[in-house]
Amino acid sequence: MKRLFIFIRAFGIVSLTTANIWLISHKMYIGAIIISSFISIIWTYNVKDLSIANGYDRIAYVCGALLGTILTLYIPILIGFER
């Protein structure tokens, strides 16, 4: 269960960061400011857990980050923002 939460947090951070970059590149600054606040909140939970993480925890984090990046890059295509 612990690794699932690590995975979810990594997914959240990377998804939000990717979305934030997209928002900034499209000059949607208010949304970017709001998203960056959520990124910071999630990071406060990561600091403690990842400092004492083992190899399997780190793999869970990497997998969450990878999936977060892939899905967040694909979502704008799905909903028609990017072609």
N, C-alpha and C. Protein backbone atom coordinates (compact mmCIF):
# COMPACT_ATOMS: atom_id res chain seq x y z
N MET A 1 0.82 -1.20 0.00
CA MET A 1 0.00 0.00 0.00
C MET A 1 0.87 1.26 0.00
N LYS A 2 2.01 1.21 0.73
CA LYS A 2 2.90 2.36 0.78
C LYS A 2 3.40 2.71 -0.61
N ARG A 3 3.76 1.70 -1.40
CA ARG A 3 4.28 1.96 -2.75
C ARG A 3 3.20 2.52 -3.66
N LEU A 4 1.96 2.14 -3.43
CA LEU A 4 0.85 2.69 -4.23
C LEU A 4 0.75 4.20 -4.00
N PHE A 5 0.88 4.63 -2.75
CA PHE A 5 0.82 6.07 -2.45
C PHE A 5 2.01 6.80 -3.05
N ILE A 6 3.19 6.16 -3.03
CA ILE A 6 4.36 6.77 -3.66
C ILE A 6 4.12 6.91 -5.16
N PHE A 7 3.57 5.87 -5.78
CA PHE A 7 3.24 5.88 -7.20
C PHE A 7 2.26 7.01 -7.52
N ILE A 8 1.21 7.11 -6.72
CA ILE A 8 0.18 8.13 -6.95
C ILE A 8 0.75 9.54 -6.80
N ARG A 9 1.60 9.74 -5.80
CA ARG A 9 2.20 11.06 -5.62
C ARG A 9 3.11 11.41 -6.78
N ALA A 10 3.90 10.45 -7.25
CA ALA A 10 4.78 10.70 -8.40
C ALA A 10 3.94 11.02 -9.63
N PHE A 11 2.89 10.25 -9.82
CA PHE A 11 1.98 10.49 -10.95
C PHE A 11 1.41 11.91 -10.85
N GLY A 12 0.98 12.29 -9.66
CA GLY A 12 0.40 13.62 -9.47
C GLY A 12 1.39 14.74 -9.73
N ILE A 13 2.60 14.60 -9.19
CA ILE A 13 3.60 15.65 -9.37
C ILE A 13 3.95 15.82 -10.84
N VAL A 14 4.22 14.72 -11.52
CA VAL A 14 4.64 14.82 -12.91
C VAL A 14 3.47 15.27 -13.79
N SER A 15 2.29 14.77 -13.53
CA SER A 15 1.12 15.21 -14.31
C SER A 15 0.89 16.70 -14.15
N LEU A 16 0.93 17.14 -12.91
CA LEU A 16 0.71 18.57 -12.66
C LEU A 16 1.83 19.42 -13.25
N THR A 17 3.07 18.94 -13.16
CA THR A 17 4.19 19.70 -13.73
C THR A 17 4.07 19.79 -15.24
N THR A 18 3.72 18.67 -15.88
CA THR A 18 3.54 18.69 -17.33
C THR A 18 2.39 19.62 -17.72
N ALA A 19 1.30 19.54 -16.98
CA ALA A 19 0.17 20.44 -17.23
C ALA A 19 0.57 21.90 -17.01
N ASN A 20 1.38 22.13 -16.00
CA ASN A 20 1.82 23.49 -15.69
C ASN A 20 2.66 24.07 -16.83
N ILE A 21 3.55 23.25 -17.38
CA ILE A 21 4.35 23.70 -18.52
C ILE A 21 3.45 24.02 -19.71
N TRP A 22 2.47 23.18 -19.93
CA TRP A 22 1.52 23.42 -21.03
C TRP A 22 0.77 24.73 -20.81
N LEU A 23 0.31 24.95 -19.58
CA LEU A 23 -0.42 26.18 -19.27
C LEU A 23 0.45 27.41 -19.49
N ILE A 24 1.69 27.34 -19.03
CA ILE A 24 2.60 28.48 -19.20
C ILE A 24 2.86 28.74 -20.68
N SER A 25 3.07 27.67 -21.45
CA SER A 25 3.35 27.84 -22.87
C SER A 25 2.16 28.41 -23.64
N HIS A 26 0.96 28.26 -23.08
CA HIS A 26 -0.23 28.81 -23.70
C HIS A 26 -0.72 30.08 -22.99
N LYS A 27 0.17 30.66 -22.19
CA LYS A 27 -0.08 31.93 -21.49
C LYS A 27 -1.33 31.90 -20.60
N MET A 28 -1.56 30.78 -19.96
CA MET A 28 -2.66 30.63 -19.00
C MET A 28 -2.05 30.70 -17.59
N TYR A 29 -1.66 31.90 -17.21
CA TYR A 29 -0.85 32.08 -16.02
C TYR A 29 -1.59 31.82 -14.71
N ILE A 30 -2.84 32.16 -14.62
CA ILE A 30 -3.60 31.93 -13.38
C ILE A 30 -3.68 30.43 -13.11
N GLY A 31 -4.00 29.65 -14.14
CA GLY A 31 -4.03 28.20 -13.99
C GLY A 31 -2.68 27.65 -13.59
N ALA A 32 -1.60 28.18 -14.17
CA ALA A 32 -0.25 27.73 -13.84
C ALA A 32 0.08 28.02 -12.37
N ILE A 33 -0.35 29.17 -11.89
CA ILE A 33 -0.10 29.52 -10.49
C ILE A 33 -0.85 28.56 -9.56
N ILE A 34 -2.07 28.27 -9.89
CA ILE A 34 -2.87 27.34 -9.07
C ILE A 34 -2.25 25.94 -9.08
N ILE A 35 -1.88 25.46 -10.27
CA ILE A 35 -1.28 24.13 -10.39
C ILE A 35 0.03 24.05 -9.62
N SER A 36 0.84 25.10 -9.69
CA SER A 36 2.12 25.06 -8.97
C SER A 36 1.93 24.97 -7.46
N SER A 37 0.84 25.51 -6.97
CA SER A 37 0.54 25.38 -5.54
C SER A 37 0.27 23.92 -5.18
N PHE A 38 -0.47 23.22 -6.02
CA PHE A 38 -0.73 21.81 -5.77
C PHE A 38 0.54 20.97 -5.86
N ILE A 39 1.43 21.32 -6.78
CA ILE A 39 2.70 20.61 -6.89
C ILE A 39 3.48 20.74 -5.59
N SER A 40 3.52 21.94 -5.04
CA SER A 40 4.24 22.17 -3.79
C SER A 40 3.64 21.39 -2.63
N ILE A 41 2.32 21.35 -2.58
CA ILE A 41 1.66 20.60 -1.50
C ILE A 41 2.04 19.12 -1.57
N ILE A 42 1.99 18.55 -2.76
CA ILE A 42 2.34 17.13 -2.91
C ILE A 42 3.80 16.90 -2.52
N TRP A 43 4.68 17.82 -2.90
CA TRP A 43 6.10 17.66 -2.58
C TRP A 43 6.34 17.64 -1.08
N THR A 44 5.57 18.38 -0.32
CA THR A 44 5.78 18.37 1.13
C THR A 44 5.57 16.97 1.71
N TYR A 45 4.69 16.18 1.09
CA TYR A 45 4.47 14.81 1.54
C TYR A 45 5.58 13.88 1.05
N ASN A 46 6.20 14.20 -0.06
CA ASN A 46 7.24 13.34 -0.63
C ASN A 46 8.56 13.40 0.11
N VAL A 47 8.90 14.54 0.63
CA VAL A 47 10.23 14.75 1.19
C VAL A 47 10.56 13.71 2.25
N LYS A 48 9.70 13.49 3.19
CA LYS A 48 9.95 12.54 4.27
C LYS A 48 10.02 11.11 3.74
N ASP A 49 9.05 10.70 2.96
CA ASP A 49 8.98 9.31 2.51
C ASP A 49 10.14 8.93 1.58
N LEU A 50 10.49 9.79 0.68
CA LEU A 50 11.53 9.43 -0.28
C LEU A 50 12.93 9.50 0.32
N SER A 51 13.10 10.22 1.40
CA SER A 51 14.43 10.27 2.02
C SER A 51 14.79 8.93 2.67
N ILE A 52 13.79 8.13 3.02
CA ILE A 52 14.05 6.83 3.63
C ILE A 52 13.59 5.68 2.73
N ALA A 53 13.42 5.96 1.44
CA ALA A 53 12.90 4.96 0.50
C ALA A 53 13.95 3.92 0.14
N ASN A 54 13.47 2.71 -0.17
CA ASN A 54 14.37 1.67 -0.67
C ASN A 54 14.25 1.60 -2.19
N GLY A 55 14.91 0.65 -2.79
CA GLY A 55 14.92 0.53 -4.25
C GLY A 55 13.55 0.33 -4.85
N TYR A 56 12.72 -0.52 -4.21
CA TYR A 56 11.38 -0.77 -4.74
C TYR A 56 10.49 0.47 -4.65
N ASP A 57 10.67 1.25 -3.59
CA ASP A 57 9.92 2.51 -3.47
C ASP A 57 10.30 3.47 -4.59
N ARG A 58 11.59 3.51 -4.89
CA ARG A 58 12.06 4.39 -5.95
C ARG A 58 11.53 3.95 -7.32
N ILE A 59 11.46 2.64 -7.52
CA ILE A 59 10.89 2.12 -8.78
C ILE A 59 9.42 2.51 -8.89
N ALA A 60 8.68 2.42 -7.79
CA ALA A 60 7.27 2.83 -7.78
C ALA A 60 7.16 4.31 -8.14
N TYR A 61 8.06 5.13 -7.61
CA TYR A 61 8.05 6.56 -7.90
C TYR A 61 8.32 6.81 -9.38
N VAL A 62 9.33 6.14 -9.93
CA VAL A 62 9.68 6.30 -11.33
C VAL A 62 8.52 5.88 -12.23
N CYS A 63 7.87 4.77 -11.91
CA CYS A 63 6.73 4.30 -12.73
C CYS A 63 5.57 5.29 -12.68
N GLY A 64 5.30 5.84 -11.53
CA GLY A 64 4.24 6.85 -11.42
C GLY A 64 4.57 8.09 -12.22
N ALA A 65 5.83 8.51 -12.15
CA ALA A 65 6.26 9.69 -12.91
C ALA A 65 6.16 9.43 -14.41
N LEU A 66 6.57 8.26 -14.83
CA LEU A 66 6.51 7.90 -16.25
C LEU A 66 5.07 7.91 -16.76
N LEU A 67 4.18 7.26 -16.04
CA LEU A 67 2.78 7.21 -16.45
C LEU A 67 2.15 8.60 -16.41
N GLY A 68 2.51 9.39 -15.41
CA GLY A 68 1.99 10.76 -15.33
C GLY A 68 2.39 11.60 -16.53
N THR A 69 3.64 11.45 -16.97
CA THR A 69 4.10 12.19 -18.13
C THR A 69 3.37 11.76 -19.39
N ILE A 70 3.29 10.46 -19.60
CA ILE A 70 2.65 9.93 -20.81
C ILE A 70 1.20 10.37 -20.89
N LEU A 71 0.45 10.18 -19.82
CA LEU A 71 -0.97 10.52 -19.85
C LEU A 71 -1.21 12.02 -19.98
N THR A 72 -0.41 12.81 -19.30
CA THR A 72 -0.63 14.25 -19.35
C THR A 72 -0.27 14.82 -20.72
N LEU A 73 0.69 14.22 -21.39
CA LEU A 73 0.99 14.67 -22.76
C LEU A 73 -0.08 14.22 -23.74
N TYR A 74 -0.75 13.13 -23.45
CA TYR A 74 -1.75 12.58 -24.35
C TYR A 74 -3.14 13.21 -24.17
N ILE A 75 -3.46 13.66 -22.98
CA ILE A 75 -4.79 14.21 -22.68
C ILE A 75 -5.16 15.40 -23.58
N PRO A 76 -4.28 16.39 -23.79
CA PRO A 76 -4.67 17.49 -24.68
C PRO A 76 -4.99 17.03 -26.11
N ILE A 77 -4.33 15.99 -26.55
CA ILE A 77 -4.63 15.43 -27.88
C ILE A 77 -6.02 14.81 -27.88
N LEU A 78 -6.33 14.08 -26.81
CA LEU A 78 -7.64 13.43 -26.70
C LEU A 78 -8.79 14.44 -26.71
N ILE A 79 -8.62 15.53 -26.00
CA ILE A 79 -9.73 16.48 -25.89
C ILE A 79 -9.68 17.56 -26.97
N GLY A 80 -8.72 17.46 -27.89
CA GLY A 80 -8.72 18.34 -29.05
C GLY A 80 -7.96 19.64 -28.91
N PHE A 81 -7.17 19.83 -27.85
CA PHE A 81 -6.39 21.06 -27.73
C PHE A 81 -5.18 21.05 -28.65
N GLU A 82 -4.59 19.91 -28.85
CA GLU A 82 -3.40 19.78 -29.70
C GLU A 82 -3.71 18.80 -30.82
N ARG A 83 -3.11 19.02 -31.93
CA ARG A 83 -3.29 18.08 -33.05
C ARG A 83 -1.96 17.56 -33.52
